[in-house]
Amino acid sequence: MELSDQLLFFFSALGAFNGIFLSGYFLFFHRPKKSSNFFLGILILALSLRIGKSVLLYFNPALPKIILQIGLTGCFFIGPALFFYLKSDIQNIQKISWQWKAILLSLTTLILLAGIIYPYTTYPDIWNQYYVRIIYWEWLLFMFASLFVLRKKIKKLFFHLPEITAEEKWWLGIYGSNALIFLAFFFVPHTSYILGSLIFSFSMYIIVMIFIWKRKAKSPASKTSIEKYPNKKIDQETANEWLEKLTTVMTEKEIFKNSSLKLKDVASEIGIPPHQLSQLLNDNLGKSFSNFTNEYRVESACQLLTTNDHLTLEGIGNEVGFNSKSTFYATFKKMKGMTPAKFKAALDKNTPTL
């Protein structure tokens, strides 16, 4: 192998080699454990298998057929992993739903059965003529689905570029690198094996640098630079998106029931810095974090007072997140104009007896 070919092999294989290790980090070691980290690990692993197969085949046309089948099988999961990663990270979905598990199980079963019934070693023509087309069209379908998930971010990229956040740049970068790799393999067949591999290696290091920069931006050392712009207004589209996430974690996860809940805990749940959550509550809702949280607690207490006859008033206060009876009574009276006891008495008085 000439020096130019050696260099070409090194740079084209570099992304696939490092991608396998990086996928392991996201799948097994990255904290916190979230569904988005799992799907990002699957995405990088699937791309690495596809790219690795292409590089090996480019430099060794006599490559064993089983390696080709493994590479194409990995390719089958690139589109779904991209879609589920973007959706779970943008919408801050912590756990994989049973619907997603069903889709992933169906896809896994489909590609494994296809490979078992018609292995590449015995049926290369079926794979080259039919399976490859199905795999690429499935990838394209999920690319369009991912584009729909990113529609608001793309709109901001073209019309509100100065307001785009680091997280949004990350998501667009992930999608953009995948789109380039897809285009290289799908539309440039004569050069795709090496072109797609080089794009992946380049994208891999760009993504790693952005990831390191993003983690650094969230570290305490970066707070000084963040606090230089405390009064920068949050654009309405971003505010609406954050408020939607905030409502979800408060109503569905009911994190307000944690009596030791802090601003930073809620900010972490929706994936924004604490100072921006405070700004969001003050500027867009006109409430402090304490008032915002206590409103959910009081409303939850009202529901329990209406439907639960087993808990004492103090027990209800503890159940909804108040850490003392006096705080529960004072906050409830401030928001409802009466104590929990009077509220309960009024309910009992208005309840018809049979």
Protein backbone atom coordinates (compact mmCIF):
# COMPACT_ATOMS: atom_id res chain seq x y z
CA MET A 1 0.00 0.00 0.00
CA GLU A 2 1.45 3.37 -1.04
CA LEU A 3 1.88 6.22 1.43
CA SER A 4 -1.08 8.14 -0.02
CA ASP A 5 -3.30 5.06 0.41
CA GLN A 6 -1.99 4.55 3.94
CA LEU A 7 -2.91 8.12 4.85
CA LEU A 8 -6.29 7.77 3.20
CA PHE A 9 -6.95 4.55 5.12
CA PHE A 10 -5.82 6.15 8.40
CA PHE A 11 -8.06 9.22 8.15
CA SER A 12 -11.09 7.38 6.76
CA ALA A 13 -10.90 4.62 9.40
CA LEU A 14 -10.12 6.98 12.27
CA GLY A 15 -13.72 8.08 12.77
CA ALA A 16 -15.09 4.53 12.79
CA PHE A 17 -12.43 3.31 15.21
CA ASN A 18 -12.92 6.14 17.69
CA GLY A 19 -16.69 6.10 17.17
CA ILE A 20 -16.92 2.60 18.62
CA PHE A 21 -15.20 3.74 21.82
CA LEU A 22 -17.28 6.93 21.97
CA SER A 23 -20.52 4.96 21.57
CA GLY A 24 -19.50 2.82 24.54
CA TYR A 25 -19.03 5.96 26.62
CA PHE A 26 -22.55 7.20 25.90
CA LEU A 27 -24.10 3.76 26.32
CA PHE A 28 -22.43 2.74 29.57
CA PHE A 29 -20.50 5.54 31.28
CA HIS A 30 -22.04 8.95 30.57
CA ARG A 31 -23.94 10.56 33.42
CA PRO A 32 -26.73 11.30 33.95
CA LYS A 33 -28.33 8.19 32.46
CA LYS A 34 -30.94 9.43 30.00
CA SER A 35 -32.72 7.99 26.99
CA SER A 36 -31.01 10.60 24.78
CA ASN A 37 -27.56 9.32 25.79
CA PHE A 38 -28.61 5.76 24.94
CA PHE A 39 -29.83 6.76 21.48
CA LEU A 40 -26.75 8.89 20.81
CA GLY A 41 -24.59 5.88 21.66
CA ILE A 42 -26.63 3.67 19.30
CA LEU A 43 -26.38 6.32 16.57
CA ILE A 44 -22.59 6.58 16.81
CA LEU A 45 -22.21 2.79 16.98
CA ALA A 46 -24.45 2.24 13.94
CA LEU A 47 -22.54 4.85 11.94
CA SER A 48 -19.21 3.38 13.04
CA LEU A 49 -20.21 -0.10 11.87
CA ARG A 50 -21.42 1.24 8.53
CA ILE A 51 -18.33 3.39 8.01
CA GLY A 52 -15.94 0.67 9.17
CA LYS A 53 -17.43 -1.79 6.70
CA SER A 54 -17.09 0.76 3.87
CA VAL A 55 -13.44 1.50 4.63
CA LEU A 56 -12.48 -2.17 4.86
CA LEU A 57 -14.31 -2.99 1.63
CA TYR A 58 -12.72 -0.06 -0.22
CA PHE A 59 -9.22 -1.28 0.60
CA ASN A 60 -10.03 -5.01 0.53
CA PRO A 61 -12.70 -5.97 -2.05
CA ALA A 62 -12.38 -9.62 -0.96
CA LEU A 63 -13.71 -8.80 2.49
CA PRO A 64 -15.71 -11.65 4.13
CA LYS A 65 -19.42 -11.30 3.43
CA ILE A 66 -20.35 -11.51 7.11
CA ILE A 67 -18.60 -8.17 7.72
CA LEU A 68 -20.62 -6.61 4.91
CA GLN A 69 -23.82 -7.92 6.51
CA ILE A 70 -22.82 -6.50 9.92
CA GLY A 71 -22.12 -3.10 8.36
CA LEU A 72 -25.44 -2.96 6.54
CA THR A 73 -27.29 -4.18 9.63
CA GLY A 74 -25.76 -1.29 11.56
CA CYS A 75 -26.83 1.08 8.80
CA PHE A 76 -30.44 -0.03 9.37
CA PHE A 77 -30.38 1.63 12.82
CA ILE A 78 -28.83 4.99 11.87
CA GLY A 79 -32.10 6.71 10.95
CA PRO A 80 -34.15 5.47 13.92
CA ALA A 81 -31.35 6.28 16.39
CA LEU A 82 -31.02 9.81 14.99
CA PHE A 83 -34.77 10.42 15.22
CA PHE A 84 -35.16 9.06 18.74
CA TYR A 85 -32.04 10.88 19.94
CA LEU A 86 -33.20 14.27 18.70
CA LYS A 87 -36.76 13.79 19.93
CA SER A 88 -35.73 12.59 23.39
CA ASP A 89 -33.06 15.27 23.88
CA ILE A 90 -35.12 18.20 22.53
CA GLN A 91 -38.23 17.18 24.47
CA ASN A 92 -36.20 16.10 27.52
CA ILE A 93 -37.70 12.60 27.55
CA GLN A 94 -36.00 10.73 30.36
CA LYS A 95 -37.32 7.20 29.84
CA ILE A 96 -37.96 5.17 26.71
CA SER A 97 -41.69 4.65 26.24
CA TRP A 98 -43.18 1.26 25.42
CA GLN A 99 -44.13 2.57 21.96
CA TRP A 100 -40.48 3.36 21.20
CA LYS A 101 -39.38 0.00 22.60
CA ALA A 102 -41.93 -1.71 20.34
CA ILE A 103 -40.59 0.12 17.27
CA LEU A 104 -36.98 -0.71 18.12
CA LEU A 105 -37.85 -4.36 18.84
CA SER A 106 -39.73 -4.62 15.53
CA LEU A 107 -36.83 -3.15 13.55
CA THR A 108 -34.31 -5.38 15.32
CA THR A 109 -36.41 -8.48 14.74
CA LEU A 110 -36.94 -7.57 11.08
CA ILE A 111 -33.28 -7.06 10.18
CA LEU A 112 -32.10 -10.09 12.20
CA LEU A 113 -34.66 -12.42 10.64
CA ALA A 114 -33.81 -11.11 7.18
CA GLY A 115 -30.14 -11.81 7.85
CA ILE A 116 -30.80 -15.28 9.23
CA ILE A 117 -33.16 -16.36 6.46
CA TYR A 118 -31.14 -14.78 3.66
CA PRO A 119 -27.54 -14.36 4.87
CA TYR A 120 -25.29 -12.16 2.75
CA THR A 121 -22.81 -15.02 2.31
CA THR A 122 -25.40 -17.13 0.47
CA TYR A 123 -27.65 -14.45 -1.05
CA PRO A 124 -25.48 -11.43 -1.96
CA ASP A 125 -27.77 -10.52 -4.87
CA ILE A 126 -30.81 -10.21 -2.60
CA TRP A 127 -28.90 -7.92 -0.27
CA ASN A 128 -27.45 -5.76 -3.06
CA GLN A 129 -30.66 -5.50 -5.07
CA TYR A 130 -33.31 -5.32 -2.35
CA TYR A 131 -32.05 -5.08 1.23
CA VAL A 132 -29.68 -2.21 0.54
CA ARG A 133 -32.48 -0.19 -1.06
CA ILE A 134 -34.83 -0.89 1.85
CA ILE A 135 -32.13 0.11 4.36
CA TYR A 136 -31.39 3.41 2.62
CA TRP A 137 -35.06 4.33 2.15
CA GLU A 138 -35.71 3.54 5.79
CA TRP A 139 -32.77 5.80 6.71
CA LEU A 140 -34.19 8.56 4.49
CA LEU A 141 -37.65 8.21 6.04
CA PHE A 142 -36.27 8.76 9.53
CA MET A 143 -34.16 11.65 8.24
CA PHE A 144 -37.39 13.38 7.20
CA ALA A 145 -38.98 12.56 10.55
CA SER A 146 -35.94 14.07 12.30
CA LEU A 147 -36.26 17.14 10.13
CA PHE A 148 -39.81 17.58 11.42
CA VAL A 149 -38.56 17.37 15.01
CA LEU A 150 -35.98 20.07 14.21
CA ARG A 151 -38.33 22.33 12.26
CA LYS A 152 -38.39 25.12 14.87
CA LYS A 153 -34.61 25.03 15.27
CA ILE A 154 -34.09 25.23 11.52
CA LYS A 155 -36.48 28.17 11.32
CA LYS A 156 -34.48 29.93 14.02
CA LEU A 157 -31.25 29.12 12.15
CA PHE A 158 -32.46 31.01 9.08
CA PHE A 159 -34.46 33.83 10.68
CA HIS A 160 -33.18 34.28 14.26
CA LEU A 161 -29.55 33.16 14.09
CA PRO A 162 -28.26 35.43 16.93
CA GLU A 163 -30.80 33.84 19.29
CA ILE A 164 -29.84 30.23 18.60
CA THR A 165 -28.55 28.43 21.70
CA ALA A 166 -25.57 26.10 22.16
CA GLU A 167 -27.95 23.15 22.54
CA GLU A 168 -29.66 24.00 19.25
CA LYS A 169 -26.29 24.27 17.48
CA TRP A 170 -25.46 20.81 18.84
CA TRP A 171 -28.71 19.26 17.53
CA LEU A 172 -28.34 20.89 14.14
CA GLY A 173 -24.71 19.75 13.98
CA ILE A 174 -25.68 16.15 14.71
CA TYR A 175 -28.37 16.24 12.04
CA GLY A 176 -26.17 18.05 9.51
CA SER A 177 -23.31 15.57 9.81
CA ASN A 178 -25.74 12.67 9.37
CA ALA A 179 -27.27 14.34 6.35
CA LEU A 180 -23.85 14.76 4.71
CA ILE A 181 -22.97 11.11 5.33
CA PHE A 182 -26.33 10.00 3.94
CA LEU A 183 -25.89 12.13 0.82
CA ALA A 184 -22.39 10.74 0.28
CA PHE A 185 -23.63 7.14 0.41
CA PHE A 186 -26.97 7.59 -1.33
CA PHE A 187 -26.26 10.03 -4.15
CA VAL A 188 -22.54 9.57 -4.87
CA PRO A 189 -22.22 5.77 -5.21
CA HIS A 190 -18.88 5.73 -7.02
CA THR A 191 -17.02 7.61 -4.29
CA SER A 192 -19.35 7.03 -1.37
CA TYR A 193 -17.31 4.37 0.40
CA ILE A 194 -14.36 6.66 1.05
CA LEU A 195 -16.14 10.04 0.90
CA GLY A 196 -18.72 9.05 3.50
CA SER A 197 -15.96 7.68 5.73
CA LEU A 198 -13.92 10.88 5.55
CA ILE A 199 -17.01 12.99 6.30
CA PHE A 200 -17.73 10.79 9.30
CA SER A 201 -14.17 11.13 10.65
CA PHE A 202 -14.31 14.90 10.22
CA SER A 203 -17.79 15.11 11.76
CA MET A 204 -16.78 12.88 14.66
CA TYR A 205 -14.07 15.26 15.81
CA ILE A 206 -16.23 18.32 15.30
CA ILE A 207 -18.96 16.68 17.42
CA VAL A 208 -16.47 15.74 20.14
CA MET A 209 -15.15 19.31 20.27
CA ILE A 210 -18.69 20.72 20.48
CA PHE A 211 -19.55 18.18 23.19
CA ILE A 212 -16.49 19.15 25.26
CA TRP A 213 -17.27 22.82 24.77
CA LYS A 214 -20.88 22.26 25.78
CA ARG A 215 -19.87 20.47 28.98
CA LYS A 216 -17.40 23.24 29.75
CA ALA A 217 -20.11 25.85 29.23
CA LYS A 218 -22.19 24.12 31.92
CA SER A 219 -19.35 23.91 34.43
CA PRO A 220 -19.04 26.35 37.38
CA ALA A 221 -15.97 27.92 35.77
CA SER A 222 -18.13 29.20 32.94
CA LYS A 223 -20.67 30.95 35.17
CA THR A 224 -18.73 34.19 35.15
CA SER A 225 -19.03 34.55 31.39
CA ILE A 226 -22.73 33.60 31.52
CA GLU A 227 -23.53 36.15 34.16
CA LYS A 228 -22.15 38.97 32.02
CA TYR A 229 -25.47 38.99 30.16
CA PRO A 230 -28.06 38.50 32.92
CA ASN A 231 -30.62 40.79 31.32
CA LYS A 232 -30.67 39.33 27.83
CA LYS A 233 -34.30 38.62 27.05
CA ILE A 234 -35.31 35.07 26.18
CA ASP A 235 -36.97 35.01 22.75
CA GLN A 236 -40.63 34.01 22.79
CA GLU A 237 -40.24 30.79 20.80
CA THR A 238 -37.54 29.50 23.15
CA ALA A 239 -39.53 30.63 26.18
CA ASN A 240 -42.60 28.74 24.96
CA GLU A 241 -40.53 25.62 24.41
CA TRP A 242 -39.00 25.82 27.90
CA LEU A 243 -42.37 26.51 29.50
CA GLU A 244 -43.80 23.45 27.78
CA LYS A 245 -40.98 21.31 29.19
CA LEU A 246 -41.45 22.92 32.60
CA THR A 247 -45.16 22.13 32.60
CA THR A 248 -44.40 18.54 31.64
CA VAL A 249 -41.98 17.87 34.49
CA MET A 250 -44.30 19.57 36.99
CA THR A 251 -47.53 17.87 35.95
CA GLU A 252 -46.36 14.47 34.74
CA LYS A 253 -43.34 13.85 36.97
CA GLU A 254 -44.75 15.94 39.86
CA ILE A 255 -41.28 16.93 41.00
CA PHE A 256 -42.81 19.67 43.18
CA LYS A 257 -43.65 16.93 45.70
CA ASN A 258 -39.97 16.82 46.61
CA SER A 259 -39.82 19.03 49.73
CA SER A 260 -36.11 19.75 49.17
CA LEU A 261 -36.60 20.74 45.51
CA LYS A 262 -34.28 23.53 44.38
CA LEU A 263 -34.11 25.79 41.36
CA LYS A 264 -31.07 23.97 40.00
CA ASP A 265 -32.92 20.62 40.22
CA VAL A 266 -35.77 21.83 38.01
CA ALA A 267 -33.33 23.56 35.64
CA SER A 268 -31.45 20.27 35.25
CA GLU A 269 -34.70 18.45 34.46
CA ILE A 270 -35.49 20.73 31.52
CA GLY A 271 -31.87 21.13 30.42
CA ILE A 272 -31.23 24.84 30.96
CA PRO A 273 -28.96 26.80 33.37
CA PRO A 274 -30.56 27.81 36.71
CA HIS A 275 -30.23 31.53 36.01
CA GLN A 276 -32.21 31.15 32.78
CA LEU A 277 -34.98 29.26 34.58
CA SER A 278 -35.17 32.04 37.14
CA GLN A 279 -35.33 34.59 34.32
CA LEU A 280 -38.00 32.56 32.54
CA LEU A 281 -40.21 32.44 35.65
CA ASN A 282 -39.78 36.12 36.43
CA ASP A 283 -40.04 37.55 32.91
CA ASN A 284 -42.62 35.21 31.38
CA LEU A 285 -44.74 34.17 34.36
CA GLY A 286 -44.08 37.00 36.77
CA LYS A 287 -43.37 34.54 39.60
CA SER A 288 -40.50 33.58 41.81
CA PHE A 289 -39.39 29.96 41.90
CA SER A 290 -40.88 29.57 45.37
CA ASN A 291 -44.29 30.93 44.36
CA PHE A 292 -44.31 28.89 41.15
CA THR A 293 -43.56 25.65 42.99
CA ASN A 294 -45.99 26.37 45.82
CA GLU A 295 -48.84 26.97 43.36
CA TYR A 296 -48.49 23.39 42.13
CA ARG A 297 -48.29 22.15 45.70
CA VAL A 298 -51.42 24.00 46.77
CA GLU A 299 -53.40 22.86 43.73
CA SER A 300 -52.34 19.28 44.38
CA ALA A 301 -53.37 19.70 48.03
CA CYS A 302 -56.80 20.91 46.92
CA GLN A 303 -57.25 17.77 44.84
CA LEU A 304 -56.30 15.59 47.79
CA LEU A 305 -58.62 17.51 50.10
CA THR A 306 -61.40 16.85 47.62
CA THR A 307 -60.73 13.18 46.95
CA ASN A 308 -58.72 11.74 49.86
CA ASP A 309 -60.29 10.96 53.21
CA HIS A 310 -57.44 8.89 54.62
CA LEU A 311 -54.69 11.51 55.03
CA THR A 312 -54.66 14.12 57.77
CA LEU A 313 -54.21 17.76 56.83
CA GLU A 314 -50.58 17.58 57.90
CA GLY A 315 -50.19 14.38 55.89
CA ILE A 316 -51.57 16.11 52.80
CA GLY A 317 -49.10 18.95 53.25
CA ASN A 318 -46.22 16.49 53.43
CA GLU A 319 -47.55 14.55 50.45
CA VAL A 320 -47.52 17.59 48.14
CA GLY A 321 -44.06 18.80 49.17
CA PHE A 322 -44.40 21.15 52.15
CA ASN A 323 -41.81 20.39 54.81
CA SER A 324 -43.83 21.71 57.74
CA LYS A 325 -47.44 22.11 58.79
CA SER A 326 -47.06 25.84 59.44
CA THR A 327 -45.63 26.49 55.97
CA PHE A 328 -48.42 24.47 54.39
CA TYR A 329 -51.14 26.39 56.27
CA ALA A 330 -49.60 29.83 55.64
CA THR A 331 -49.02 29.22 51.92
CA PHE A 332 -52.44 27.66 51.41
CA LYS A 333 -54.19 30.58 53.13
CA LYS A 334 -52.21 33.11 51.13
CA MET A 335 -53.20 31.51 47.81
CA LYS A 336 -56.74 30.36 48.58
CA GLY A 337 -57.86 32.95 51.14
CA MET A 338 -58.58 30.29 53.76
CA THR A 339 -56.79 27.58 55.68
CA PRO A 340 -56.80 23.95 54.51
CA ALA A 341 -59.15 23.11 57.38
CA LYS A 342 -61.72 25.71 56.30
CA PHE A 343 -61.34 24.61 52.69
CA LYS A 344 -62.06 21.02 53.74
CA ALA A 345 -65.00 22.13 55.90
CA ALA A 346 -66.49 24.06 52.98
CA LEU A 347 -66.17 20.98 50.78
CA ASP A 348 -67.89 18.79 53.37
CA LYS A 349 -70.69 21.33 53.79
CA ASN A 350 -71.35 21.45 50.05
CA THR A 351 -71.19 17.67 49.60
CA PRO A 352 -74.75 16.25 49.51
CA THR A 353 -75.51 13.41 51.89
CA LEU A 354 -77.33 10.31 50.69
